[in-house]
Amino acid sequence: DVTPYGAVANSVAVRAGLVAVAVENFPKTDPGTVVFFNTAGQYLAQVTVGALPDMLTFTPNGRYVLVANEGEPSDDYLIDPEGSVSVIDLSGGVQNARVRTASFTKFNNAALDPSIRIFGPDKSPGAAAGAVASVARDIEPEYITVSQDSKTACVTCQENNAIAEIDIATATVTRLTGLGFKDH
């Protein structure tokens, strides 16, 4: 039961007796949390991450927990949080966990591969009719895989038809790659 920490658990990962749980908030557009327990279910600590934390995983070396913050908009698109990847550093212990955020804002005005789908509407105050949301608000990270050396992560952004590459040590998105088109 994770209701003391938010709405629902979206993902669980376990490593060396430490249980990490991604908990979305209510409403889902508010920042979520990652809650840490021991394997007996005793609460240890929690940290705040991005909106709608979806999948989380430990790096192979156990130093980090990475969280894909999907950042889905509200049904009416009046609230559209940015998608991101939280990098939680556990090197000082779970009680001293530090969170850094890999953001997609540097891609807002960048020329993107045309196969990367950016299509959500921009309903923010003052937006022109038919305006499209920024890249950072439209990207929705879903699932993460980490290199064996714990230095790089690849994150699927399935609604966007893209893969994001994350430098874990600096918590930065280094590349956004489109997956091309398939004529069905």
Protein backbone atom coordinates (compact mmCIF):
# COMPACT_ATOMS: atom_id res chain seq x y z
CA ASP A 1 0.00 0.00 0.00
CA VAL A 2 1.74 3.16 -1.21
CA THR A 3 -1.18 5.54 -0.64
CA PRO A 4 0.71 7.34 2.17
CA TYR A 5 3.20 8.42 -0.53
CA GLY A 6 0.92 9.11 -3.52
CA ALA A 7 -1.70 7.55 -5.75
CA VAL A 8 -0.36 4.27 -7.16
CA ALA A 9 2.87 2.36 -7.67
CA ASN A 10 3.94 2.22 -11.33
CA SER A 11 7.20 0.30 -11.03
CA VAL A 12 9.27 -1.63 -8.50
CA ALA A 13 12.97 -2.53 -8.60
CA VAL A 14 14.98 -4.48 -6.02
CA ARG A 15 18.73 -4.66 -5.52
CA ALA A 16 20.85 -5.84 -2.57
CA GLY A 17 17.97 -5.67 -0.08
CA LEU A 18 16.78 -2.24 -1.22
CA VAL A 19 13.32 -1.85 -2.78
CA ALA A 20 12.62 1.25 -4.91
CA VAL A 21 9.02 2.08 -5.83
CA ALA A 22 7.95 4.71 -8.39
CA VAL A 23 4.77 6.35 -7.06
CA GLU A 24 2.65 8.69 -9.16
CA ASN A 25 0.91 11.59 -7.50
CA PHE A 26 -2.72 12.62 -7.59
CA PRO A 27 -3.17 14.36 -9.91
CA LYS A 28 -0.69 12.57 -12.16
CA THR A 29 0.57 15.92 -13.50
CA ASP A 30 2.16 16.76 -10.12
CA PRO A 31 5.68 15.57 -9.24
CA GLY A 32 5.83 11.96 -8.09
CA THR A 33 8.10 10.18 -5.63
CA VAL A 34 10.44 7.25 -5.38
CA VAL A 35 10.00 5.53 -2.04
CA PHE A 36 12.66 3.21 -0.64
CA PHE A 37 11.92 0.23 1.59
CA ASN A 38 13.94 -2.71 2.83
CA THR A 39 12.83 -6.17 1.72
CA ALA A 40 10.84 -6.56 4.94
CA GLY A 41 8.67 -3.64 3.77
CA GLN A 42 10.00 -1.08 6.26
CA TYR A 43 10.07 2.51 4.99
CA LEU A 44 13.58 3.95 4.63
CA ALA A 45 13.34 7.22 2.67
CA GLN A 46 11.71 8.97 -0.26
CA VAL A 47 12.67 11.54 -2.88
CA THR A 48 10.69 13.74 -5.25
CA VAL A 49 10.98 13.06 -8.98
CA GLY A 50 9.16 14.25 -12.10
CA ALA A 51 5.51 13.94 -13.03
CA LEU A 52 4.17 10.41 -13.55
CA PRO A 53 7.25 8.35 -12.68
CA ASP A 54 6.81 5.30 -14.84
CA MET A 55 9.60 2.74 -14.98
CA LEU A 56 12.61 2.71 -12.66
CA THR A 57 15.78 0.64 -12.51
CA PHE A 58 19.03 0.35 -10.60
CA THR A 59 22.27 0.76 -12.53
CA PRO A 60 24.41 -2.41 -12.62
CA ASN A 61 26.88 -0.90 -10.13
CA GLY A 62 24.01 -0.03 -7.74
CA ARG A 63 25.06 3.60 -7.39
CA TYR A 64 22.03 5.07 -9.15
CA VAL A 65 18.31 4.56 -9.61
CA LEU A 66 16.99 5.95 -12.89
CA VAL A 67 13.33 6.90 -13.29
CA ALA A 68 11.46 7.60 -16.54
CA ASN A 69 9.10 10.47 -15.69
CA GLU A 70 6.46 10.22 -18.37
CA GLY A 71 4.98 13.68 -17.78
CA GLU A 72 1.63 12.87 -19.39
CA PRO A 73 -0.71 15.85 -19.80
CA SER A 74 -4.10 16.20 -18.18
CA ASP A 75 -6.95 14.95 -20.38
CA ASP A 76 -7.75 18.52 -21.48
CA TYR A 77 -4.05 19.39 -22.01
CA LEU A 78 -4.39 22.44 -19.75
CA ILE A 79 -1.60 20.98 -17.62
CA ASP A 80 1.28 19.41 -19.55
CA PRO A 81 4.36 18.72 -17.41
CA GLU A 82 7.74 18.06 -18.99
CA GLY A 83 8.91 14.51 -19.49
CA SER A 84 12.29 13.82 -17.88
CA VAL A 85 14.57 11.18 -16.41
CA SER A 86 15.47 11.41 -12.73
CA VAL A 87 18.93 10.20 -11.74
CA ILE A 88 18.96 9.31 -8.03
CA ASP A 89 22.48 9.05 -6.61
CA LEU A 90 22.66 6.55 -3.75
CA SER A 91 26.44 6.79 -3.19
CA GLY A 92 25.88 8.56 0.15
CA GLY A 93 23.29 6.00 1.23
CA VAL A 94 19.53 5.98 0.75
CA GLN A 95 19.03 8.52 3.56
CA ASN A 96 21.22 11.02 1.65
CA ALA A 97 19.96 10.25 -1.86
CA ARG A 98 20.42 13.13 -4.32
CA VAL A 99 18.12 13.63 -7.31
CA ARG A 100 19.19 15.29 -10.55
CA THR A 101 16.97 15.66 -13.59
CA ALA A 102 17.85 14.93 -17.20
CA SER A 103 15.64 17.38 -19.08
CA PHE A 104 14.71 17.65 -22.74
CA THR A 105 14.59 21.49 -22.81
CA LYS A 106 17.72 21.82 -24.95
CA PHE A 107 15.75 20.18 -27.79
CA ASN A 108 12.90 22.74 -27.69
CA ASN A 109 14.37 24.85 -30.50
CA ALA A 110 16.57 22.21 -32.09
CA ALA A 111 16.08 20.72 -35.53
CA LEU A 112 14.85 17.18 -34.87
CA ASP A 113 14.82 14.09 -37.03
CA PRO A 114 11.43 14.33 -38.80
CA SER A 115 10.49 10.82 -37.60
CA ILE A 116 10.39 12.10 -33.99
CA ARG A 117 6.73 12.82 -33.25
CA ILE A 118 6.02 16.10 -31.45
CA PHE A 119 2.30 16.56 -31.75
CA GLY A 120 0.58 17.49 -28.48
CA PRO A 121 -1.30 20.79 -28.51
CA ASP A 122 -0.07 23.84 -26.61
CA LYS A 123 -2.99 25.12 -24.58
CA SER A 124 -0.92 27.37 -22.32
CA PRO A 125 -2.19 30.94 -21.82
CA GLY A 126 -1.32 33.06 -24.84
CA ALA A 127 -0.52 30.13 -27.13
CA ALA A 128 -1.67 30.52 -30.71
CA ALA A 129 -4.54 28.35 -31.91
CA GLY A 130 -3.14 25.08 -33.21
CA ALA A 131 0.26 25.59 -31.54
CA VAL A 132 2.19 22.42 -30.74
CA ALA A 133 3.66 21.74 -27.28
CA SER A 134 7.39 22.12 -26.74
CA VAL A 135 9.63 19.11 -27.19
CA ALA A 136 10.27 18.97 -23.42
CA ARG A 137 6.54 18.89 -22.66
CA ASP A 138 5.67 16.44 -25.43
CA ILE A 139 8.42 13.85 -24.83
CA GLU A 140 7.14 10.95 -22.69
CA PRO A 141 9.96 8.70 -21.41
CA GLU A 142 8.75 5.14 -20.80
CA TYR A 143 11.39 2.44 -20.29
CA ILE A 144 15.11 2.47 -19.46
CA THR A 145 18.03 0.18 -20.15
CA VAL A 146 21.49 0.85 -18.70
CA SER A 147 24.92 0.00 -20.11
CA GLN A 148 26.93 -2.59 -18.16
CA ASP A 149 29.47 0.09 -17.16
CA SER A 150 26.65 2.17 -15.57
CA LYS A 151 27.64 5.26 -17.58
CA THR A 152 24.90 5.50 -20.20
CA ALA A 153 21.18 4.81 -20.35
CA CYS A 154 18.84 4.52 -23.30
CA VAL A 155 15.23 5.53 -22.74
CA THR A 156 12.32 4.77 -25.04
CA CYS A 157 9.92 7.58 -25.80
CA GLN A 158 7.30 5.45 -27.52
CA GLU A 159 4.66 8.13 -28.21
CA ASN A 160 7.43 10.15 -29.84
CA ASN A 161 8.96 7.30 -31.86
CA ALA A 162 12.37 8.06 -30.35
CA ILE A 163 15.19 6.86 -28.12
CA ALA A 164 16.94 9.24 -25.72
CA GLU A 165 20.52 8.66 -24.61
CA ILE A 166 21.37 9.77 -21.06
CA ASP A 167 24.81 10.46 -19.62
CA ILE A 168 24.22 9.18 -16.09
CA ALA A 169 27.13 10.95 -14.32
CA THR A 170 26.00 14.37 -15.55
CA ALA A 171 22.25 13.61 -15.71
CA THR A 172 21.98 15.02 -19.22
CA VAL A 173 20.21 13.93 -22.37
CA THR A 174 23.01 13.70 -24.92
CA ARG A 175 21.06 12.52 -27.94
CA LEU A 176 17.49 12.11 -29.19
CA THR A 177 17.23 9.66 -32.07
CA GLY A 178 14.16 9.08 -34.22
CA LEU A 179 13.25 5.52 -35.11
CA GLY A 180 12.22 6.16 -38.72
CA PHE A 181 8.96 5.41 -40.49
CA LYS A 182 7.24 2.14 -41.26
CA ASP A 183 4.56 2.09 -43.97
CA HIS A 184 1.88 -0.20 -42.54
